N, C-alpha and C. Protein backbone atom coordinates (compact mmCIF):
# COMPACT_ATOMS: atom_id res chain seq x y z
N MET A 1 -19.08 -9.63 -15.39
CA MET A 1 -18.48 -9.53 -16.70
C MET A 1 -16.99 -9.84 -16.59
N GLY A 2 -16.43 -10.40 -17.64
CA GLY A 2 -15.02 -10.76 -17.64
C GLY A 2 -14.13 -9.64 -18.14
N TRP A 3 -12.89 -10.01 -18.39
CA TRP A 3 -11.89 -9.07 -18.89
C TRP A 3 -11.99 -8.93 -20.39
N LEU A 4 -11.67 -7.75 -20.88
CA LEU A 4 -11.57 -7.49 -22.32
C LEU A 4 -10.14 -7.04 -22.60
N PHE A 5 -9.44 -7.76 -23.47
CA PHE A 5 -8.05 -7.44 -23.81
C PHE A 5 -7.97 -6.99 -25.26
N MET A 6 -7.02 -6.11 -25.54
CA MET A 6 -6.86 -5.60 -26.91
C MET A 6 -5.40 -5.34 -27.23
N GLN A 7 -5.13 -5.23 -28.52
CA GLN A 7 -3.76 -5.03 -28.99
C GLN A 7 -3.45 -3.58 -29.29
N ARG A 8 -4.46 -2.73 -29.27
CA ARG A 8 -4.21 -1.30 -29.51
C ARG A 8 -5.29 -0.47 -28.81
N LEU A 9 -5.00 0.81 -28.65
CA LEU A 9 -5.91 1.71 -27.95
C LEU A 9 -6.65 2.64 -28.92
N ASP A 10 -6.69 2.27 -30.18
CA ASP A 10 -7.44 3.04 -31.19
C ASP A 10 -7.12 4.53 -31.17
N GLY A 11 -5.84 4.84 -31.10
CA GLY A 11 -5.40 6.23 -31.18
C GLY A 11 -5.41 6.99 -29.87
N HIS A 12 -5.84 6.38 -28.80
CA HIS A 12 -5.84 7.06 -27.50
C HIS A 12 -4.46 6.99 -26.86
N LYS A 13 -4.12 8.02 -26.09
CA LYS A 13 -2.79 8.15 -25.50
C LYS A 13 -2.48 7.07 -24.47
N GLY A 14 -3.48 6.67 -23.70
CA GLY A 14 -3.27 5.68 -22.65
C GLY A 14 -4.59 5.10 -22.18
N PRO A 15 -4.55 4.22 -21.17
CA PRO A 15 -5.76 3.57 -20.67
C PRO A 15 -6.84 4.54 -20.19
N LYS A 16 -6.44 5.58 -19.48
CA LYS A 16 -7.43 6.53 -18.96
C LYS A 16 -8.21 7.19 -20.11
N GLU A 17 -7.49 7.64 -21.12
CA GLU A 17 -8.14 8.30 -22.25
C GLU A 17 -9.04 7.32 -23.01
N TYR A 18 -8.57 6.08 -23.16
CA TYR A 18 -9.37 5.07 -23.85
C TYR A 18 -10.67 4.81 -23.09
N LEU A 19 -10.58 4.62 -21.77
CA LEU A 19 -11.77 4.34 -20.98
C LEU A 19 -12.71 5.54 -20.91
N ASP A 20 -12.15 6.75 -20.83
CA ASP A 20 -13.01 7.95 -20.88
C ASP A 20 -13.86 7.94 -22.15
N ALA A 21 -13.25 7.60 -23.27
CA ALA A 21 -13.97 7.56 -24.54
C ALA A 21 -15.01 6.44 -24.56
N GLN A 22 -14.69 5.28 -23.97
CA GLN A 22 -15.63 4.16 -23.94
C GLN A 22 -16.88 4.48 -23.15
N PHE A 23 -16.73 5.27 -22.10
CA PHE A 23 -17.87 5.57 -21.23
C PHE A 23 -18.50 6.92 -21.53
N THR A 24 -18.23 7.46 -22.69
CA THR A 24 -18.87 8.69 -23.15
C THR A 24 -19.55 8.37 -24.47
N TYR A 25 -20.89 8.32 -24.45
CA TYR A 25 -21.64 7.97 -25.67
C TYR A 25 -23.09 8.40 -25.52
N GLN A 26 -23.82 8.29 -26.61
CA GLN A 26 -25.24 8.64 -26.61
C GLN A 26 -25.97 7.60 -27.45
N ASN A 27 -27.16 7.18 -26.98
CA ASN A 27 -28.03 6.30 -27.77
C ASN A 27 -29.47 6.77 -27.61
N ASP A 28 -30.44 5.97 -28.06
CA ASP A 28 -31.84 6.40 -28.01
C ASP A 28 -32.38 6.56 -26.59
N GLN A 29 -31.85 5.79 -25.64
CA GLN A 29 -32.38 5.82 -24.28
C GLN A 29 -31.71 6.87 -23.38
N SER A 30 -30.42 7.09 -23.58
CA SER A 30 -29.70 7.97 -22.67
C SER A 30 -28.39 8.46 -23.28
N GLN A 31 -27.79 9.39 -22.56
CA GLN A 31 -26.43 9.79 -22.90
C GLN A 31 -25.58 9.63 -21.64
N LEU A 32 -24.35 9.19 -21.84
CA LEU A 32 -23.42 8.96 -20.73
C LEU A 32 -22.18 9.78 -21.01
N ARG A 33 -21.68 10.46 -19.97
CA ARG A 33 -20.49 11.30 -20.14
C ARG A 33 -19.63 11.23 -18.89
N VAL A 34 -18.34 11.01 -19.07
CA VAL A 34 -17.40 11.00 -17.96
C VAL A 34 -17.13 12.44 -17.54
N LEU A 35 -17.42 12.75 -16.29
CA LEU A 35 -17.18 14.10 -15.76
C LEU A 35 -15.75 14.24 -15.25
N ARG A 36 -15.27 13.22 -14.57
CA ARG A 36 -13.91 13.23 -14.04
C ARG A 36 -13.46 11.78 -13.87
N SER A 37 -12.18 11.55 -14.13
CA SER A 37 -11.65 10.19 -13.96
C SER A 37 -10.18 10.24 -13.57
N THR A 38 -9.70 9.11 -13.09
CA THR A 38 -8.29 8.99 -12.74
C THR A 38 -7.89 7.53 -12.81
N LEU A 39 -6.61 7.31 -12.98
CA LEU A 39 -6.05 5.96 -12.96
C LEU A 39 -5.15 5.88 -11.73
N VAL A 40 -5.49 5.04 -10.75
CA VAL A 40 -4.76 4.93 -9.49
C VAL A 40 -3.78 3.77 -9.57
N ASN A 41 -2.51 4.05 -9.33
CA ASN A 41 -1.45 3.04 -9.35
C ASN A 41 -1.41 2.23 -10.65
N ARG A 42 -1.84 2.81 -11.72
CA ARG A 42 -1.85 2.15 -13.04
C ARG A 42 -2.64 0.84 -13.04
N ARG A 43 -3.48 0.62 -12.01
CA ARG A 43 -4.22 -0.63 -11.90
C ARG A 43 -5.74 -0.46 -11.82
N VAL A 44 -6.19 0.70 -11.33
CA VAL A 44 -7.63 0.89 -11.15
C VAL A 44 -8.04 2.25 -11.68
N TYR A 45 -9.06 2.23 -12.53
CA TYR A 45 -9.63 3.44 -13.12
C TYR A 45 -10.91 3.75 -12.35
N TYR A 46 -11.04 5.00 -11.88
CA TYR A 46 -12.25 5.47 -11.23
C TYR A 46 -12.80 6.63 -12.04
N ALA A 47 -14.13 6.66 -12.21
CA ALA A 47 -14.74 7.76 -12.95
C ALA A 47 -16.09 8.12 -12.35
N ALA A 48 -16.42 9.41 -12.41
CA ALA A 48 -17.77 9.88 -12.13
C ALA A 48 -18.43 10.05 -13.49
N ALA A 49 -19.49 9.29 -13.73
CA ALA A 49 -20.16 9.31 -15.04
C ALA A 49 -21.57 9.86 -14.89
N GLU A 50 -21.89 10.81 -15.74
CA GLU A 50 -23.21 11.43 -15.73
C GLU A 50 -24.10 10.74 -16.77
N ARG A 51 -25.26 10.25 -16.30
CA ARG A 51 -26.24 9.64 -17.21
C ARG A 51 -27.48 10.53 -17.23
N ILE A 52 -27.92 10.89 -18.44
CA ILE A 52 -29.15 11.66 -18.62
C ILE A 52 -30.08 10.82 -19.47
N LEU A 53 -31.26 10.48 -18.92
CA LEU A 53 -32.23 9.69 -19.66
C LEU A 53 -32.95 10.56 -20.67
N THR A 54 -33.10 10.05 -21.88
CA THR A 54 -33.72 10.82 -22.96
C THR A 54 -35.20 11.06 -22.69
N ALA A 55 -35.91 10.09 -22.15
CA ALA A 55 -37.36 10.18 -21.96
C ALA A 55 -37.76 11.31 -21.03
N ASP A 56 -37.08 11.44 -19.89
CA ASP A 56 -37.51 12.45 -18.91
C ASP A 56 -36.38 13.39 -18.46
N THR A 57 -35.26 13.33 -19.12
CA THR A 57 -34.06 14.13 -18.83
C THR A 57 -33.60 13.99 -17.37
N LYS A 58 -33.94 12.85 -16.74
CA LYS A 58 -33.49 12.61 -15.38
C LYS A 58 -31.98 12.42 -15.39
N ARG A 59 -31.30 13.11 -14.45
CA ARG A 59 -29.84 13.10 -14.38
C ARG A 59 -29.37 12.36 -13.14
N SER A 60 -28.36 11.51 -13.33
CA SER A 60 -27.71 10.87 -12.19
C SER A 60 -26.21 10.79 -12.49
N VAL A 61 -25.43 10.81 -11.42
CA VAL A 61 -23.97 10.66 -11.56
C VAL A 61 -23.58 9.50 -10.65
N PHE A 62 -22.93 8.50 -11.24
CA PHE A 62 -22.54 7.30 -10.51
C PHE A 62 -21.06 7.01 -10.77
N ALA A 63 -20.51 6.09 -9.99
CA ALA A 63 -19.09 5.76 -10.12
C ALA A 63 -18.90 4.52 -10.98
N ILE A 64 -17.90 4.61 -11.84
CA ILE A 64 -17.44 3.47 -12.63
C ILE A 64 -16.07 3.09 -12.09
N VAL A 65 -15.84 1.79 -11.94
CA VAL A 65 -14.56 1.27 -11.48
C VAL A 65 -14.10 0.22 -12.49
N CYS A 66 -12.88 0.36 -12.99
CA CYS A 66 -12.33 -0.63 -13.91
C CYS A 66 -11.01 -1.14 -13.37
N LEU A 67 -10.87 -2.45 -13.34
CA LEU A 67 -9.57 -3.05 -13.09
C LEU A 67 -8.80 -2.95 -14.40
N VAL A 68 -7.53 -2.60 -14.33
CA VAL A 68 -6.75 -2.33 -15.54
C VAL A 68 -5.46 -3.14 -15.55
N LYS A 69 -5.15 -3.69 -16.70
CA LYS A 69 -3.84 -4.30 -16.94
C LYS A 69 -3.25 -3.59 -18.15
N TRP A 70 -2.14 -2.91 -17.94
CA TRP A 70 -1.50 -2.09 -18.97
C TRP A 70 -0.07 -2.57 -19.13
N ALA A 71 0.23 -3.20 -20.26
CA ALA A 71 1.56 -3.75 -20.52
C ALA A 71 1.95 -3.41 -21.95
N PRO A 72 2.45 -2.19 -22.20
CA PRO A 72 2.73 -1.74 -23.57
C PRO A 72 3.74 -2.60 -24.32
N ARG A 73 4.54 -3.40 -23.59
CA ARG A 73 5.54 -4.26 -24.24
C ARG A 73 5.17 -5.74 -24.16
N ALA A 74 3.90 -6.05 -24.02
CA ALA A 74 3.47 -7.44 -23.87
C ALA A 74 3.92 -8.28 -25.07
N ARG A 75 4.49 -9.43 -24.81
CA ARG A 75 5.00 -10.31 -25.88
C ARG A 75 3.89 -10.80 -26.79
N ASP A 76 2.73 -11.06 -26.23
CA ASP A 76 1.63 -11.58 -27.07
C ASP A 76 0.91 -10.46 -27.82
N GLY A 77 1.28 -9.22 -27.58
CA GLY A 77 0.68 -8.10 -28.30
C GLY A 77 -0.56 -7.52 -27.65
N TYR A 78 -1.09 -8.20 -26.65
CA TYR A 78 -2.28 -7.68 -25.95
C TYR A 78 -1.80 -6.73 -24.86
N ILE A 79 -1.76 -5.45 -25.22
CA ILE A 79 -1.13 -4.45 -24.37
C ILE A 79 -2.04 -3.89 -23.28
N PHE A 80 -3.34 -4.06 -23.44
CA PHE A 80 -4.28 -3.41 -22.52
C PHE A 80 -5.48 -4.31 -22.29
N GLY A 81 -5.87 -4.41 -21.01
CA GLY A 81 -7.08 -5.14 -20.67
C GLY A 81 -7.79 -4.42 -19.54
N TYR A 82 -9.11 -4.58 -19.51
CA TYR A 82 -9.87 -3.99 -18.41
C TYR A 82 -11.11 -4.81 -18.09
N LYS A 83 -11.54 -4.68 -16.86
CA LYS A 83 -12.78 -5.29 -16.40
C LYS A 83 -13.59 -4.18 -15.77
N ASP A 84 -14.74 -3.87 -16.35
CA ASP A 84 -15.51 -2.74 -15.86
C ASP A 84 -16.63 -3.17 -14.91
N LEU A 85 -16.81 -2.33 -13.89
CA LEU A 85 -17.84 -2.51 -12.87
C LEU A 85 -18.42 -1.14 -12.57
N ASP A 86 -19.52 -1.12 -11.87
CA ASP A 86 -19.95 0.17 -11.33
C ASP A 86 -20.18 -0.01 -9.83
N GLU A 87 -20.41 1.08 -9.16
CA GLU A 87 -20.47 1.05 -7.69
C GLU A 87 -21.62 0.21 -7.16
N THR A 88 -22.65 -0.05 -7.96
CA THR A 88 -23.82 -0.79 -7.47
C THR A 88 -23.54 -2.27 -7.26
N VAL A 89 -22.42 -2.78 -7.77
CA VAL A 89 -22.08 -4.20 -7.56
C VAL A 89 -21.05 -4.36 -6.44
N GLY A 90 -20.70 -3.27 -5.78
CA GLY A 90 -19.79 -3.32 -4.63
C GLY A 90 -18.39 -3.77 -4.97
N PRO A 91 -17.68 -3.03 -5.83
CA PRO A 91 -16.31 -3.43 -6.18
C PRO A 91 -15.41 -3.49 -4.95
N CYS A 92 -14.41 -4.36 -4.99
CA CYS A 92 -13.46 -4.49 -3.87
C CYS A 92 -12.53 -3.29 -3.79
N GLU A 93 -12.25 -2.64 -4.89
CA GLU A 93 -11.34 -1.50 -4.92
C GLU A 93 -12.05 -0.31 -4.30
N ARG A 94 -11.45 0.24 -3.25
CA ARG A 94 -12.12 1.30 -2.47
C ARG A 94 -11.18 2.46 -2.18
N ASP A 95 -10.46 2.88 -3.21
CA ASP A 95 -9.53 4.00 -3.07
C ASP A 95 -9.91 5.14 -4.01
N CYS A 96 -11.20 5.32 -4.22
CA CYS A 96 -11.67 6.38 -5.11
C CYS A 96 -11.34 7.75 -4.51
N PRO A 97 -10.76 8.64 -5.32
CA PRO A 97 -10.43 9.98 -4.82
C PRO A 97 -11.67 10.80 -4.46
N ALA A 98 -11.50 11.71 -3.52
CA ALA A 98 -12.60 12.55 -3.06
C ALA A 98 -13.20 13.38 -4.19
N GLY A 99 -12.36 13.86 -5.12
CA GLY A 99 -12.87 14.69 -6.22
C GLY A 99 -13.90 13.98 -7.08
N ILE A 100 -13.80 12.67 -7.17
CA ILE A 100 -14.79 11.88 -7.92
C ILE A 100 -16.00 11.60 -7.04
N LEU A 101 -15.76 11.20 -5.80
CA LEU A 101 -16.88 10.92 -4.87
C LEU A 101 -17.78 12.15 -4.70
N ASP A 102 -17.18 13.33 -4.67
CA ASP A 102 -17.95 14.57 -4.47
C ASP A 102 -18.92 14.86 -5.61
N LEU A 103 -18.67 14.31 -6.79
CA LEU A 103 -19.54 14.55 -7.94
C LEU A 103 -20.74 13.62 -8.00
N LEU A 104 -20.73 12.54 -7.24
CA LEU A 104 -21.78 11.53 -7.32
C LEU A 104 -23.09 12.03 -6.71
N THR A 105 -24.19 11.70 -7.38
CA THR A 105 -25.51 12.06 -6.85
C THR A 105 -25.95 10.99 -5.85
N PRO A 106 -26.88 11.31 -4.95
CA PRO A 106 -27.34 10.33 -3.95
C PRO A 106 -27.85 9.05 -4.61
N THR A 107 -27.65 7.95 -3.91
CA THR A 107 -28.11 6.65 -4.41
C THR A 107 -28.75 5.87 -3.28
N GLU A 108 -29.62 4.91 -3.65
CA GLU A 108 -30.23 4.03 -2.66
C GLU A 108 -29.76 2.59 -2.82
N TYR A 109 -28.86 2.33 -3.78
CA TYR A 109 -28.33 0.99 -3.96
C TYR A 109 -27.45 0.64 -2.75
N PRO A 110 -27.78 -0.41 -2.01
CA PRO A 110 -27.02 -0.72 -0.78
C PRO A 110 -25.52 -0.92 -1.01
N TYR A 111 -25.15 -1.64 -2.08
CA TYR A 111 -23.72 -1.85 -2.33
C TYR A 111 -23.02 -0.53 -2.64
N ALA A 112 -23.69 0.34 -3.38
CA ALA A 112 -23.09 1.63 -3.71
C ALA A 112 -22.93 2.50 -2.47
N VAL A 113 -23.94 2.50 -1.59
CA VAL A 113 -23.86 3.28 -0.36
C VAL A 113 -22.68 2.80 0.48
N LYS A 114 -22.55 1.48 0.64
CA LYS A 114 -21.45 0.91 1.43
C LYS A 114 -20.11 1.21 0.77
N TRP A 115 -20.02 1.09 -0.55
CA TRP A 115 -18.78 1.36 -1.28
C TRP A 115 -18.34 2.81 -1.04
N ARG A 116 -19.27 3.74 -1.15
CA ARG A 116 -18.93 5.16 -0.93
C ARG A 116 -18.46 5.39 0.50
N GLU A 117 -19.14 4.79 1.47
CA GLU A 117 -18.72 4.93 2.87
C GLU A 117 -17.31 4.40 3.08
N ASP A 118 -17.02 3.24 2.49
CA ASP A 118 -15.69 2.64 2.64
C ASP A 118 -14.62 3.50 1.98
N CYS A 119 -14.92 4.06 0.82
CA CYS A 119 -13.96 4.95 0.15
C CYS A 119 -13.67 6.18 1.02
N ARG A 120 -14.71 6.76 1.59
CA ARG A 120 -14.53 7.93 2.47
C ARG A 120 -13.72 7.56 3.71
N ALA A 121 -13.99 6.39 4.28
CA ALA A 121 -13.23 5.94 5.45
C ALA A 121 -11.76 5.74 5.09
N ASN A 122 -11.47 5.17 3.93
CA ASN A 122 -10.09 4.98 3.49
C ASN A 122 -9.39 6.32 3.28
N LEU A 123 -10.12 7.29 2.74
CA LEU A 123 -9.54 8.63 2.57
C LEU A 123 -9.18 9.24 3.93
N ALA A 124 -10.04 9.05 4.92
CA ALA A 124 -9.78 9.59 6.26
C ALA A 124 -8.54 8.93 6.88
N VAL A 125 -8.43 7.62 6.72
CA VAL A 125 -7.26 6.91 7.27
C VAL A 125 -5.98 7.39 6.59
N ARG A 126 -6.01 7.54 5.27
CA ARG A 126 -4.81 8.01 4.56
C ARG A 126 -4.44 9.44 4.96
N ALA A 127 -5.43 10.27 5.25
CA ALA A 127 -5.14 11.64 5.69
C ALA A 127 -4.43 11.63 7.04
N ILE A 128 -4.86 10.75 7.94
CA ILE A 128 -4.21 10.63 9.25
C ILE A 128 -2.78 10.10 9.07
N GLN A 129 -2.63 9.09 8.22
CA GLN A 129 -1.31 8.50 7.99
C GLN A 129 -0.35 9.52 7.37
N ALA A 130 -0.87 10.39 6.52
CA ALA A 130 -0.02 11.39 5.86
C ALA A 130 0.54 12.40 6.87
N LYS A 131 -0.16 12.60 7.98
CA LYS A 131 0.28 13.55 8.99
C LYS A 131 1.32 12.98 9.95
N LYS A 132 1.48 11.65 9.91
CA LYS A 132 2.46 11.03 10.82
C LYS A 132 3.87 11.42 10.40
N PRO A 133 4.76 11.60 11.37
CA PRO A 133 6.14 11.91 11.00
C PRO A 133 6.78 10.71 10.30
N LYS A 134 7.57 10.99 9.30
CA LYS A 134 8.24 9.94 8.54
C LYS A 134 9.59 9.63 9.17
N PRO A 135 9.92 8.33 9.29
CA PRO A 135 11.21 7.98 9.86
C PRO A 135 12.37 8.49 9.01
N SER A 136 13.44 8.88 9.67
CA SER A 136 14.67 9.31 9.00
C SER A 136 15.81 8.40 9.43
N LEU A 137 16.81 8.32 8.58
CA LEU A 137 17.97 7.48 8.84
C LEU A 137 18.58 7.83 10.19
N GLY A 138 18.82 6.81 11.01
CA GLY A 138 19.47 7.00 12.31
C GLY A 138 18.51 7.18 13.48
N GLN A 139 17.26 7.50 13.21
CA GLN A 139 16.31 7.69 14.31
C GLN A 139 15.95 6.35 14.95
N ASN A 140 15.48 6.42 16.18
CA ASN A 140 14.90 5.25 16.83
C ASN A 140 13.40 5.29 16.64
N LEU A 141 12.84 4.16 16.30
CA LEU A 141 11.41 4.03 16.08
C LEU A 141 10.85 3.12 17.17
N ILE A 142 9.90 3.65 17.93
CA ILE A 142 9.31 2.91 19.04
C ILE A 142 7.84 2.65 18.72
N LEU A 143 7.48 1.38 18.58
CA LEU A 143 6.09 1.01 18.29
C LEU A 143 5.25 1.09 19.56
N ALA A 144 4.02 1.55 19.44
CA ALA A 144 3.12 1.62 20.59
C ALA A 144 2.79 0.22 21.10
N GLU A 145 2.65 -0.74 20.20
CA GLU A 145 2.39 -2.14 20.54
C GLU A 145 3.44 -3.00 19.86
N PRO A 146 3.98 -4.01 20.53
CA PRO A 146 4.96 -4.88 19.85
C PRO A 146 4.37 -5.52 18.60
N MET A 147 5.21 -5.68 17.59
CA MET A 147 4.80 -6.26 16.32
C MET A 147 5.39 -7.67 16.23
N CYS A 148 4.59 -8.61 15.74
CA CYS A 148 5.05 -9.99 15.58
C CYS A 148 5.61 -10.15 14.16
N PHE A 149 6.82 -10.67 14.05
CA PHE A 149 7.48 -10.85 12.76
C PHE A 149 7.51 -12.32 12.36
N THR A 150 7.87 -12.59 11.11
CA THR A 150 7.83 -13.95 10.59
C THR A 150 8.79 -14.89 11.30
N ASP A 151 9.80 -14.37 11.98
CA ASP A 151 10.71 -15.24 12.73
C ASP A 151 10.19 -15.54 14.14
N GLY A 152 8.96 -15.10 14.43
CA GLY A 152 8.34 -15.37 15.73
C GLY A 152 8.64 -14.34 16.80
N GLN A 153 9.49 -13.38 16.50
CA GLN A 153 9.85 -12.35 17.49
C GLN A 153 8.74 -11.31 17.61
N LYS A 154 8.49 -10.85 18.83
CA LYS A 154 7.58 -9.72 19.08
C LYS A 154 8.47 -8.58 19.56
N LEU A 155 8.57 -7.54 18.73
CA LEU A 155 9.53 -6.46 18.99
C LEU A 155 8.84 -5.11 18.90
N SER A 156 9.46 -4.12 19.57
CA SER A 156 8.86 -2.78 19.54
C SER A 156 9.87 -1.64 19.41
N ARG A 157 11.18 -1.91 19.50
CA ARG A 157 12.19 -0.83 19.47
C ARG A 157 13.18 -1.10 18.34
N PHE A 158 13.36 -0.08 17.46
CA PHE A 158 14.19 -0.26 16.27
C PHE A 158 15.01 0.99 15.99
N ARG A 159 16.10 0.81 15.26
CA ARG A 159 16.86 1.92 14.70
C ARG A 159 16.61 1.91 13.19
N VAL A 160 16.34 3.08 12.62
CA VAL A 160 16.11 3.21 11.18
C VAL A 160 17.46 3.20 10.48
N THR A 161 17.65 2.28 9.54
CA THR A 161 18.94 2.15 8.86
C THR A 161 18.73 1.68 7.42
N THR A 162 19.82 1.44 6.72
CA THR A 162 19.77 0.89 5.36
C THR A 162 20.77 -0.27 5.29
N LEU A 163 20.62 -1.07 4.26
CA LEU A 163 21.56 -2.16 4.00
C LEU A 163 22.09 -2.02 2.57
N PRO A 164 23.33 -2.45 2.32
CA PRO A 164 23.88 -2.38 0.96
C PRO A 164 23.00 -3.18 -0.01
N ARG A 165 22.86 -2.68 -1.21
CA ARG A 165 22.12 -3.31 -2.29
C ARG A 165 20.64 -3.51 -1.97
N ARG A 166 20.11 -2.76 -1.04
CA ARG A 166 18.69 -2.81 -0.69
C ARG A 166 18.11 -1.41 -0.80
N ARG A 167 16.94 -1.32 -1.39
CA ARG A 167 16.27 -0.01 -1.46
C ARG A 167 15.42 0.21 -0.23
N GLY A 168 15.33 1.42 0.19
CA GLY A 168 14.48 1.79 1.31
C GLY A 168 15.09 1.46 2.66
N PHE A 169 14.35 1.85 3.67
CA PHE A 169 14.82 1.64 5.04
C PHE A 169 14.59 0.20 5.48
N VAL A 170 15.45 -0.24 6.38
CA VAL A 170 15.21 -1.44 7.17
C VAL A 170 15.30 -1.00 8.62
N TYR A 171 14.78 -1.84 9.49
CA TYR A 171 14.69 -1.47 10.89
C TYR A 171 15.46 -2.50 11.70
N GLN A 172 16.53 -2.02 12.36
CA GLN A 172 17.35 -2.91 13.18
C GLN A 172 16.80 -2.91 14.60
N SER A 173 16.47 -4.10 15.06
CA SER A 173 15.92 -4.22 16.40
C SER A 173 16.94 -3.79 17.44
N LEU A 174 16.52 -2.97 18.38
CA LEU A 174 17.36 -2.59 19.51
C LEU A 174 17.27 -3.65 20.60
N GLU A 175 16.42 -4.64 20.39
CA GLU A 175 16.23 -5.71 21.36
C GLU A 175 17.06 -6.95 21.03
N ASN A 176 17.15 -7.32 19.73
CA ASN A 176 17.91 -8.52 19.38
C ASN A 176 18.94 -8.31 18.28
N GLY A 177 19.03 -7.08 17.71
CA GLY A 177 20.01 -6.77 16.68
C GLY A 177 19.63 -7.20 15.28
N GLY A 178 18.53 -7.91 15.12
CA GLY A 178 18.09 -8.37 13.80
C GLY A 178 17.56 -7.23 12.94
N PHE A 179 17.54 -7.47 11.60
CA PHE A 179 17.04 -6.48 10.65
C PHE A 179 15.66 -6.89 10.17
N TYR A 180 14.73 -5.93 10.10
CA TYR A 180 13.36 -6.22 9.75
C TYR A 180 12.84 -5.19 8.76
N ARG A 181 11.91 -5.63 7.94
CA ARG A 181 11.18 -4.72 7.05
C ARG A 181 9.80 -4.50 7.66
N MET A 182 9.24 -3.32 7.44
CA MET A 182 7.90 -3.02 7.93
C MET A 182 7.12 -2.31 6.82
N PRO A 183 6.65 -3.07 5.82
CA PRO A 183 5.95 -2.43 4.71
C PRO A 183 4.65 -1.73 5.09
N LYS A 184 4.04 -2.13 6.20
CA LYS A 184 2.78 -1.51 6.62
C LYS A 184 2.98 -0.60 7.83
N LEU A 185 4.14 0.02 7.90
CA LEU A 185 4.45 0.88 9.04
C LEU A 185 3.43 2.02 9.19
N ALA A 186 2.93 2.54 8.07
CA ALA A 186 2.00 3.66 8.14
C ALA A 186 0.69 3.29 8.84
N THR A 187 0.41 2.01 8.99
CA THR A 187 -0.85 1.59 9.59
C THR A 187 -0.75 1.34 11.10
N VAL A 188 0.43 1.50 11.68
CA VAL A 188 0.59 1.26 13.12
C VAL A 188 1.00 2.54 13.83
N ASP A 189 0.77 2.59 15.14
CA ASP A 189 1.16 3.75 15.94
C ASP A 189 2.62 3.62 16.36
N TYR A 190 3.36 4.72 16.23
CA TYR A 190 4.76 4.72 16.64
C TYR A 190 5.18 6.14 16.99
N ARG A 191 6.33 6.23 17.64
CA ARG A 191 6.95 7.54 17.86
C ARG A 191 8.40 7.44 17.44
N LEU A 192 8.99 8.57 17.14
CA LEU A 192 10.39 8.64 16.71
C LEU A 192 11.21 9.38 17.76
N GLU A 193 12.42 8.88 17.98
CA GLU A 193 13.32 9.52 18.94
C GLU A 193 14.69 9.68 18.30
N ALA A 194 15.40 10.69 18.72
CA ALA A 194 16.79 10.82 18.29
C ALA A 194 17.61 9.72 18.95
N PRO A 195 18.62 9.19 18.24
CA PRO A 195 19.42 8.13 18.86
C PRO A 195 20.09 8.64 20.13
N GLY A 196 20.17 7.78 21.12
CA GLY A 196 20.73 8.25 22.37
C GLY A 196 21.55 7.26 23.09
């Protein structure tokens, strides 16, 4: 399915509230209700949705994933767009929070099983990364394995510093004096030392 764009949210406060309402309804065959949802990085909506079939009252809870574009000041007036998927089609977005995953009932859909496993694995990696010590200004950062940079250098020893008119830390090589950014620092092994 493609994207659906609109110029208003029909009285809803934001994308999350709008999508919660869209996925909560009842018809002759079933009723669907959002049990819990969240909007991650203002780009991806995750929800645990409960479906109860009218014929036999069979209950299942599955994940809904929506890609979201939210631009309240869009020049063309189309302030909100979304593309909805569910876990059975194996969405690429795999950062579903544990609180939503915990509500899902067992499934036999292969793509959904794999998607849930990947989401759990990503949660485990983020938990490990959150426990790593964060670099502070002036510390030395020593990478466990040298990192290759766009200038062709393979480096492993840096001083944590800042530059004028730049946000965030930059890392000055203790090997060649150059300044480097490391946006994926949380994904590599390193240790921190006091300058010496």
